[in-house]
């Protein structure tokens, strides 16, 4: 989520990597792209959908969605536990948008 990126990953910036316009869709060139989102950091449902849209726009083939779990008190805290129904809804959006796989791990 662009709004949260600097808080969670201060050493990086949010810009989905643009794919080669000549790259075949769905791995026909032998290349399959994947990205993953950690949820529960304070993002809104709309922000998640926006990132899925951005990933679709750069021909990402697979997206995984997972619950963020803070590894230590020094890391960014968990803002919320994402309900499994929300994971299912996001997975369905990903599949409807023609991602090869839209995996969820509630």
Protein backbone atom coordinates (compact mmCIF):
# COMPACT_ATOMS: atom_id res chain seq x y z
CA UNK A 1 0.00 0.00 0.00
CA UNK A 2 1.69 3.21 -1.11
CA UNK A 3 0.51 5.14 1.97
CA UNK A 4 2.15 2.68 4.38
CA UNK A 5 5.25 1.81 2.39
CA UNK A 6 7.68 4.24 4.02
CA UNK A 7 6.55 3.18 7.51
CA UNK A 8 6.92 -0.53 6.85
CA UNK A 9 9.86 -0.48 4.42
CA UNK A 10 11.70 2.84 4.88
CA UNK A 11 14.64 1.65 2.76
CA UNK A 12 12.41 1.08 -0.31
CA UNK A 13 9.83 2.85 -2.43
CA UNK A 14 6.52 1.70 -3.86
CA UNK A 15 6.61 1.41 -7.63
CA UNK A 16 5.39 -1.80 -9.25
CA UNK A 17 8.07 -2.91 -11.68
CA UNK A 18 6.90 -2.37 -15.21
CA UNK A 19 6.99 -5.52 -17.27
CA UNK A 20 8.43 -5.79 -20.75
CA UNK A 21 5.55 -4.88 -23.12
CA UNK A 22 6.68 -7.69 -25.42
CA UNK A 23 6.48 -10.29 -22.63
CA UNK A 24 3.74 -12.82 -23.28
CA UNK A 25 0.87 -12.94 -20.81
CA UNK A 26 0.58 -15.88 -18.40
CA UNK A 27 4.04 -17.25 -18.81
CA UNK A 28 3.79 -18.07 -22.50
CA UNK A 29 7.34 -16.74 -22.73
CA UNK A 30 8.31 -19.06 -19.88
CA UNK A 31 8.42 -16.19 -17.40
CA UNK A 32 5.82 -16.04 -14.64
CA UNK A 33 5.80 -13.08 -12.28
CA UNK A 34 4.65 -13.17 -8.65
CA UNK A 35 4.11 -10.64 -5.92
CA UNK A 36 2.89 -10.89 -2.35
CA UNK A 37 1.08 -8.61 0.07
CA UNK A 38 1.20 -8.71 3.84
CA UNK A 39 -2.07 -7.52 5.32
CA UNK A 40 -2.89 -6.22 8.77
CA UNK A 41 -0.63 -3.16 8.83
CA UNK A 42 -3.40 -0.57 8.76
CA UNK A 43 -4.32 -0.71 5.09
CA UNK A 44 -7.90 -0.33 3.89
CA UNK A 45 -9.73 -2.77 1.67
CA UNK A 46 -9.73 -0.12 -1.07
CA UNK A 47 -5.95 0.27 -0.81
CA UNK A 48 -5.48 -3.48 -1.22
CA UNK A 49 -7.67 -3.47 -4.33
CA UNK A 50 -5.65 -0.50 -5.67
CA UNK A 51 -2.40 -2.47 -5.28
CA UNK A 52 -3.96 -5.50 -6.98
CA UNK A 53 -4.93 -3.16 -9.82
CA UNK A 54 -1.35 -1.83 -10.00
CA UNK A 55 0.00 -5.39 -10.13
CA UNK A 56 -2.46 -6.32 -12.85
CA UNK A 57 -1.29 -3.26 -14.78
CA UNK A 58 2.29 -4.57 -14.89
CA UNK A 59 1.23 -8.10 -15.91
CA UNK A 60 1.82 -9.78 -12.57
CA UNK A 61 0.67 -13.40 -12.94
CA UNK A 62 0.39 -14.59 -9.33
CA UNK A 63 -0.37 -12.70 -6.15
CA UNK A 64 -0.27 -14.05 -2.61
CA UNK A 65 -1.99 -12.46 0.37
CA UNK A 66 -0.86 -13.15 3.92
CA UNK A 67 -1.46 -11.95 7.46
CA UNK A 68 1.40 -9.82 8.76
CA UNK A 69 2.79 -11.06 12.04
CA UNK A 70 5.24 -8.77 13.79
CA UNK A 71 8.44 -10.75 14.40
CA UNK A 72 9.46 -8.71 17.46
CA UNK A 73 8.46 -5.68 19.52
CA UNK A 74 11.00 -3.64 17.53
CA UNK A 75 9.10 -4.25 14.27
CA UNK A 76 5.95 -2.56 13.02
CA UNK A 77 3.04 -3.75 15.17
CA UNK A 78 0.02 -5.61 13.82
CA UNK A 79 -2.87 -3.19 13.35
CA UNK A 80 -5.53 -5.88 12.82
CA UNK A 81 -6.09 -9.51 12.10
CA UNK A 82 -7.69 -9.85 8.69
CA UNK A 83 -10.83 -11.97 8.76
CA UNK A 84 -10.75 -15.08 6.54
CA UNK A 85 -13.83 -13.80 4.69
CA UNK A 86 -11.87 -10.71 3.60
CA UNK A 87 -9.06 -12.93 2.33
CA UNK A 88 -11.62 -14.94 0.35
CA UNK A 89 -13.13 -11.78 -1.13
CA UNK A 90 -9.71 -10.49 -2.19
CA UNK A 91 -8.81 -13.88 -3.62
CA UNK A 92 -11.99 -13.81 -5.69
CA UNK A 93 -11.16 -10.32 -7.00
CA UNK A 94 -7.72 -11.55 -8.05
CA UNK A 95 -9.17 -14.52 -9.89
CA UNK A 96 -11.80 -12.36 -11.59
CA UNK A 97 -9.00 -10.05 -12.76
CA UNK A 98 -7.33 -13.01 -14.46
CA UNK A 99 -4.38 -13.58 -12.12
CA UNK A 100 -3.23 -17.17 -12.69
CA UNK A 101 -3.36 -17.70 -8.97
CA UNK A 102 -4.62 -15.52 -6.16
CA UNK A 103 -3.57 -17.42 -3.08
CA UNK A 104 -4.56 -16.46 0.41
CA UNK A 105 -3.16 -17.50 3.74
CA UNK A 106 -5.43 -16.29 6.53
